[in-house]
Amino acid sequence: MAFTTKIKEYRAKHSLSQEDLAIAVGVRRETIGKLENGKYNPSLKLAFDIAKVFNVSVEELFNFE
C-alpha cells in the first residue's frame, strides 16, 4: 500500500522538528523521516497519534492509495 503524507507541512506550520514530533509520539526521529519520505507505513496507532498532535484527522494527514 502506497501513501503520501502531509507530516512535513504540518510540522512546519507548528514549528516542530522531526525530533520534537518523534518525542511527542514515542518513536525515533528516523521513523518520522521515513514517514515523510514514504519509506515507512505507519501503524494505525502511530497514524492516529501523529494526527492528534496536529489536531487533524488521519485522512487529512495521510492519503492511502
PDB file of N, CA and C in Angstrom:
ATOM      1  N   MET A   1       0.843  -1.174   0.000  1.00  0.00           N
ATOM      2  CA  MET A   1       0.000   0.000   0.000  1.00  0.00           C
ATOM      3  C   MET A   1       0.892   1.241   0.000  1.00  0.00           C
ATOM      4  N   ALA A   2       0.669   2.101  -0.943  1.00  0.00           N
ATOM      5  CA  ALA A   2       1.434   3.346  -1.024  1.00  0.00           C
ATOM      6  C   ALA A   2       0.642   4.471  -0.344  1.00  0.00           C
ATOM      7  N   PHE A   3       1.362   5.445   0.134  1.00  0.00           N
ATOM      8  CA  PHE A   3       0.682   6.583   0.740  1.00  0.00           C
ATOM      9  C   PHE A   3       1.522   7.835   0.576  1.00  0.00           C
ATOM     10  N   THR A   4       0.843   8.942   0.693  1.00  0.00           N
ATOM     11  CA  THR A   4       1.523  10.227   0.759  1.00  0.00           C
ATOM     12  C   THR A   4       1.129  10.858   2.092  1.00  0.00           C
ATOM     13  N   THR A   5       1.947  11.760   2.554  1.00  0.00           N
ATOM     14  CA  THR A   5       1.684  12.360   3.859  1.00  0.00           C
ATOM     15  C   THR A   5       1.965  13.857   3.837  1.00  0.00           C
ATOM     16  N   LYS A   6       1.296  14.542   4.728  1.00  0.00           N
ATOM     17  CA  LYS A   6       1.498  15.985   4.883  1.00  0.00           C
ATOM     18  C   LYS A   6       2.206  16.293   6.201  1.00  0.00           C
ATOM     19  N   ILE A   7       2.895  15.288   6.755  1.00  0.00           N
ATOM     20  CA  ILE A   7       3.556  15.475   8.046  1.00  0.00           C
ATOM     21  C   ILE A   7       4.533  16.655   7.997  1.00  0.00           C
ATOM     22  N   LYS A   8       5.341  16.703   6.955  1.00  0.00           N
ATOM     23  CA  LYS A   8       6.346  17.772   6.867  1.00  0.00           C
ATOM     24  C   LYS A   8       5.683  19.152   6.856  1.00  0.00           C
ATOM     25  N   GLU A   9       4.593  19.280   6.109  1.00  0.00           N
ATOM     26  CA  GLU A   9       3.864  20.556   6.052  1.00  0.00           C
ATOM     27  C   GLU A   9       3.330  20.944   7.430  1.00  0.00           C
ATOM     28  N   TYR A  10       2.729  19.971   8.106  1.00  0.00           N
ATOM     29  CA  TYR A  10       2.168  20.265   9.428  1.00  0.00           C
ATOM     30  C   TYR A  10       3.259  20.540  10.459  1.00  0.00           C
ATOM     31  N   ARG A  11       4.387  19.860  10.348  1.00  0.00           N
ATOM     32  CA  ARG A  11       5.499  20.159  11.255  1.00  0.00           C
ATOM     33  C   ARG A  11       5.948  21.605  11.084  1.00  0.00           C
ATOM     34  N   ALA A  12       6.045  22.047   9.824  1.00  0.00           N
ATOM     35  CA  ALA A  12       6.467  23.425   9.540  1.00  0.00           C
ATOM     36  C   ALA A  12       5.458  24.423  10.121  1.00  0.00           C
ATOM     37  N   LYS A  13       4.168  24.144   9.941  1.00  0.00           N
ATOM     38  CA  LYS A  13       3.125  25.036  10.465  1.00  0.00           C
ATOM     39  C   LYS A  13       3.201  25.161  11.981  1.00  0.00           C
ATOM     40  N   HIS A  14       3.582  24.069  12.632  1.00  0.00           N
ATOM     41  CA  HIS A  14       3.625  24.035  14.096  1.00  0.00           C
ATOM     42  C   HIS A  14       5.036  24.239  14.649  1.00  0.00           C
ATOM     43  N   SER A  15       5.982  24.573  13.782  1.00  0.00           N
ATOM     44  CA  SER A  15       7.380  24.805  14.180  1.00  0.00           C
ATOM     45  C   SER A  15       7.959  23.650  14.988  1.00  0.00           C
ATOM     46  N   LEU A  16       7.711  22.427  14.515  1.00  0.00           N
ATOM     47  CA  LEU A  16       8.236  21.234  15.178  1.00  0.00           C
ATOM     48  C   LEU A  16       9.330  20.611  14.323  1.00  0.00           C
ATOM     49  N   SER A  17      10.383  20.165  14.967  1.00  0.00           N
ATOM     50  CA  SER A  17      11.413  19.405  14.259  1.00  0.00           C
ATOM     51  C   SER A  17      10.966  17.947  14.186  1.00  0.00           C
ATOM     52  N   GLN A  18      11.657  17.158  13.379  1.00  0.00           N
ATOM     53  CA  GLN A  18      11.372  15.729  13.352  1.00  0.00           C
ATOM     54  C   GLN A  18      11.559  15.138  14.743  1.00  0.00           C
ATOM     55  N   GLU A  19      12.594  15.578  15.425  1.00  0.00           N
ATOM     56  CA  GLU A  19      12.871  15.090  16.786  1.00  0.00           C
ATOM     57  C   GLU A  19      11.733  15.438  17.734  1.00  0.00           C
ATOM     58  N   ASP A  20      11.222  16.671  17.661  1.00  0.00           N
ATOM     59  CA  ASP A  20      10.105  17.097  18.521  1.00  0.00           C
ATOM     60  C   ASP A  20       8.894  16.201  18.309  1.00  0.00           C
ATOM     61  N   LEU A  21       8.554  15.956  17.061  1.00  0.00           N
ATOM     62  CA  LEU A  21       7.394  15.123  16.747  1.00  0.00           C
ATOM     63  C   LEU A  21       7.635  13.688  17.195  1.00  0.00           C
ATOM     64  N   ALA A  22       8.830  13.189  16.965  1.00  0.00           N
ATOM     65  CA  ALA A  22       9.165  11.820  17.368  1.00  0.00           C
ATOM     66  C   ALA A  22       8.980  11.637  18.871  1.00  0.00           C
ATOM     67  N   ILE A  23       9.457  12.585  19.644  1.00  0.00           N
ATOM     68  CA  ILE A  23       9.308  12.514  21.099  1.00  0.00           C
ATOM     69  C   ILE A  23       7.831  12.546  21.485  1.00  0.00           C
ATOM     70  N   ALA A  24       7.060  13.402  20.825  1.00  0.00           N
ATOM     71  CA  ALA A  24       5.641  13.547  21.144  1.00  0.00           C
ATOM     72  C   ALA A  24       4.847  12.262  20.907  1.00  0.00           C
ATOM     73  N   VAL A  25       5.271  11.467  19.920  1.00  0.00           N
ATOM     74  CA  VAL A  25       4.512  10.245  19.596  1.00  0.00           C
ATOM     75  C   VAL A  25       5.254   8.967  19.985  1.00  0.00           C
ATOM     76  N   GLY A  26       6.430   9.098  20.587  1.00  0.00           N
ATOM     77  CA  GLY A  26       7.133   7.939  21.114  1.00  0.00           C
ATOM     78  C   GLY A  26       7.847   7.062  20.104  1.00  0.00           C
ATOM     79  N   VAL A  27       8.414   7.694  19.061  1.00  0.00           N
ATOM     80  CA  VAL A  27       9.195   6.938  18.070  1.00  0.00           C
ATOM     81  C   VAL A  27      10.541   7.623  17.879  1.00  0.00           C
ATOM     82  N   ARG A  28      11.418   7.015  17.084  1.00  0.00           N
ATOM     83  CA  ARG A  28      12.720   7.618  16.781  1.00  0.00           C
ATOM     84  C   ARG A  28      12.569   8.664  15.681  1.00  0.00           C
ATOM     85  N   ARG A  29      13.485   9.624  15.665  1.00  0.00           N
ATOM     86  CA  ARG A  29      13.453  10.668  14.636  1.00  0.00           C
ATOM     87  C   ARG A  29      13.506  10.060  13.246  1.00  0.00           C
ATOM     88  N   GLU A  30      14.281   8.998  13.085  1.00  0.00           N
ATOM     89  CA  GLU A  30      14.412   8.345  11.779  1.00  0.00           C
ATOM     90  C   GLU A  30      13.064   7.846  11.260  1.00  0.00           C
ATOM     91  N   THR A  31      12.209   7.423  12.175  1.00  0.00           N
ATOM     92  CA  THR A  31      10.877   6.951  11.780  1.00  0.00           C
ATOM     93  C   THR A  31      10.078   8.078  11.150  1.00  0.00           C
ATOM     94  N   ILE A  32      10.152   9.267  11.737  1.00  0.00           N
ATOM     95  CA  ILE A  32       9.437  10.425  11.183  1.00  0.00           C
ATOM     96  C   ILE A  32       9.990  10.750   9.797  1.00  0.00           C
ATOM     97  N   GLY A  33      11.311  10.722   9.642  1.00  0.00           N
ATOM     98  CA  GLY A  33      11.922  10.974   8.335  1.00  0.00           C
ATOM     99  C   GLY A  33      11.463   9.968   7.299  1.00  0.00           C
ATOM    100  N   LYS A  34      11.409   8.702   7.669  1.00  0.00           N
ATOM    101  CA  LYS A  34      10.959   7.661   6.735  1.00  0.00           C
ATOM    102  C   LYS A  34       9.486   7.843   6.383  1.00  0.00           C
ATOM    103  N   LEU A  35       8.689   8.245   7.347  1.00  0.00           N
ATOM    104  CA  LEU A  35       7.275   8.515   7.069  1.00  0.00           C
ATOM    105  C   LEU A  35       7.138   9.650   6.059  1.00  0.00           C
ATOM    106  N   GLU A  36       7.891  10.715   6.277  1.00  0.00           N
ATOM    107  CA  GLU A  36       7.814  11.880   5.391  1.00  0.00           C
ATOM    108  C   GLU A  36       8.258  11.541   3.974  1.00  0.00           C
ATOM    109  N   ASN A  37       9.172  10.600   3.843  1.00  0.00           N
ATOM    110  CA  ASN A  37       9.685  10.214   2.523  1.00  0.00           C
ATOM    111  C   ASN A  37       8.948   9.034   1.910  1.00  0.00           C
ATOM    112  N   GLY A  38       7.898   8.557   2.560  1.00  0.00           N
ATOM    113  CA  GLY A  38       7.116   7.457   2.023  1.00  0.00           C
ATOM    114  C   GLY A  38       7.824   6.113   2.077  1.00  0.00           C
ATOM    115  N   LYS A  39       8.823   5.980   2.943  1.00  0.00           N
ATOM    116  CA  LYS A  39       9.581   4.737   3.043  1.00  0.00           C
ATOM    117  C   LYS A  39       9.117   3.863   4.206  1.00  0.00           C
ATOM    118  N   TYR A  40       8.091   4.300   4.907  1.00  0.00           N
ATOM    119  CA  TYR A  40       7.605   3.564   6.071  1.00  0.00           C
ATOM    120  C   TYR A  40       6.100   3.750   6.168  1.00  0.00           C
ATOM    121  N   ASN A  41       5.371   2.651   6.307  1.00  0.00           N
ATOM    122  CA  ASN A  41       3.927   2.718   6.513  1.00  0.00           C
ATOM    123  C   ASN A  41       3.664   2.726   8.013  1.00  0.00           C
ATOM    124  N   PRO A  42       2.978   3.735   8.513  1.00  0.00           N
ATOM    125  CA  PRO A  42       2.746   3.820   9.944  1.00  0.00           C
ATOM    126  C   PRO A  42       1.709   2.801  10.406  1.00  0.00           C
ATOM    127  N   SER A  43       1.831   2.393  11.656  1.00  0.00           N
ATOM    128  CA  SER A  43       0.764   1.592  12.257  1.00  0.00           C
ATOM    129  C   SER A  43      -0.452   2.503  12.404  1.00  0.00           C
ATOM    130  N   LEU A  44      -1.586   1.905  12.598  1.00  0.00           N
ATOM    131  CA  LEU A  44      -2.802   2.690  12.788  1.00  0.00           C
ATOM    132  C   LEU A  44      -2.663   3.584  14.019  1.00  0.00           C
ATOM    133  N   LYS A  45      -2.104   3.035  15.095  1.00  0.00           N
ATOM    134  CA  LYS A  45      -1.910   3.818  16.313  1.00  0.00           C
ATOM    135  C   LYS A  45      -0.999   5.009  16.063  1.00  0.00           C
ATOM    136  N   LEU A  46       0.114   4.790  15.369  1.00  0.00           N
ATOM    137  CA  LEU A  46       1.039   5.887  15.094  1.00  0.00           C
ATOM    138  C   LEU A  46       0.373   6.956  14.229  1.00  0.00           C
ATOM    139  N   ALA A  47      -0.375   6.533  13.223  1.00  0.00           N
ATOM    140  CA  ALA A  47      -1.076   7.500  12.364  1.00  0.00           C
ATOM    141  C   ALA A  47      -2.023   8.363  13.193  1.00  0.00           C
ATOM    142  N   PHE A  48      -2.782   7.739  14.089  1.00  0.00           N
ATOM    143  CA  PHE A  48      -3.703   8.497  14.938  1.00  0.00           C
ATOM    144  C   PHE A  48      -2.949   9.391  15.923  1.00  0.00           C
ATOM    145  N   ASP A  49      -1.847   8.887  16.480  1.00  0.00           N
ATOM    146  CA  ASP A  49      -1.055   9.697  17.422  1.00  0.00           C
ATOM    147  C   ASP A  49      -0.506  10.952  16.753  1.00  0.00           C
ATOM    148  N   ILE A  50       0.004  10.808  15.534  1.00  0.00           N
ATOM    149  CA  ILE A  50       0.542  11.973  14.822  1.00  0.00           C
ATOM    150  C   ILE A  50      -0.580  12.954  14.482  1.00  0.00           C
ATOM    151  N   ALA A  51      -1.708  12.434  14.009  1.00  0.00           N
ATOM    152  CA  ALA A  51      -2.845  13.304  13.689  1.00  0.00           C
ATOM    153  C   ALA A  51      -3.305  14.073  14.925  1.00  0.00           C
ATOM    154  N   LYS A  52      -3.277  13.407  16.076  1.00  0.00           N
ATOM    155  CA  LYS A  52      -3.695  14.057  17.324  1.00  0.00           C
ATOM    156  C   LYS A  52      -2.778  15.217  17.684  1.00  0.00           C
ATOM    157  N   VAL A  53      -1.474  15.052  17.464  1.00  0.00           N
ATOM    158  CA  VAL A  53      -0.522  16.130  17.749  1.00  0.00           C
ATOM    159  C   VAL A  53      -0.901  17.395  16.976  1.00  0.00           C
ATOM    160  N   PHE A  54      -1.333  17.212  15.724  1.00  0.00           N
ATOM    161  CA  PHE A  54      -1.665  18.357  14.868  1.00  0.00           C
ATOM    162  C   PHE A  54      -3.144  18.714  14.906  1.00  0.00           C
ATOM    163  N   ASN A  55      -3.926  17.956  15.677  1.00  0.00           N
ATOM    164  CA  ASN A  55      -5.364  18.207  15.808  1.00  0.00           C
ATOM    165  C   ASN A  55      -6.078  18.161  14.450  1.00  0.00           C
ATOM    166  N   VAL A  56      -5.733  17.138  13.666  1.00  0.00           N
ATOM    167  CA  VAL A  56      -6.381  16.916  12.369  1.00  0.00           C
ATOM    168  C   VAL A  56      -6.783  15.445  12.277  1.00  0.00           C
ATOM    169  N   SER A  57      -7.573  15.111  11.276  1.00  0.00           N
ATOM    170  CA  SER A  57      -7.958  13.713  11.075  1.00  0.00           C
ATOM    171  C   SER A  57      -6.816  12.964  10.389  1.00  0.00           C
ATOM    172  N   VAL A  58      -6.836  11.651  10.541  1.00  0.00           N
ATOM    173  CA  VAL A  58      -5.848  10.811   9.866  1.00  0.00           C
ATOM    174  C   VAL A  58      -5.954  11.009   8.354  1.00  0.00           C
ATOM    175  N   GLU A  59      -7.177  11.128   7.871  1.00  0.00           N
ATOM    176  CA  GLU A  59      -7.409  11.318   6.437  1.00  0.00           C
ATOM    177  C   GLU A  59      -6.815  12.618   5.920  1.00  0.00           C
ATOM    178  N   GLU A  60      -6.789  13.630   6.766  1.00  0.00           N
ATOM    179  CA  GLU A  60      -6.205  14.925   6.393  1.00  0.00           C
ATOM    180  C   GLU A  60      -4.671  14.810   6.281  1.00  0.00           C
ATOM    181  N   LEU A  61      -4.104  13.994   7.136  1.00  0.00           N
ATOM    182  CA  LEU A  61      -2.645  13.878   7.226  1.00  0.00           C
ATOM    183  C   LEU A  61      -2.052  12.859   6.271  1.00  0.00           C
ATOM    184  N   PHE A  62      -2.790  11.774   6.030  1.00  0.00           N
ATOM    185  CA  PHE A  62      -2.303  10.685   5.181  1.00  0.00           C
ATOM    186  C   PHE A  62      -3.269  10.426   4.037  1.00  0.00           C
ATOM    187  N   ASN A  63      -2.706  10.129   2.863  1.00  0.00           N
ATOM    188  CA  ASN A  63      -3.519   9.720   1.722  1.00  0.00           C
ATOM    189  C   ASN A  63      -3.055   8.318   1.330  1.00  0.00           C
ATOM    190  N   PHE A  64      -3.851   7.326   1.689  1.00  0.00           N
ATOM    191  CA  PHE A  64      -3.514   5.941   1.388  1.00  0.00           C
ATOM    192  C   PHE A  64      -4.067   5.569   0.020  1.00  0.00           C
ATOM    193  N   GLU A  65      -3.215   4.966  -0.797  1.00  0.00           N
ATOM    194  CA  GLU A  65      -3.638   4.582  -2.158  1.00  0.00           C
ATOM    195  C   GLU A  65      -3.466   3.091  -2.357  1.00  0.00           C
TER     196      GLU A  65
END
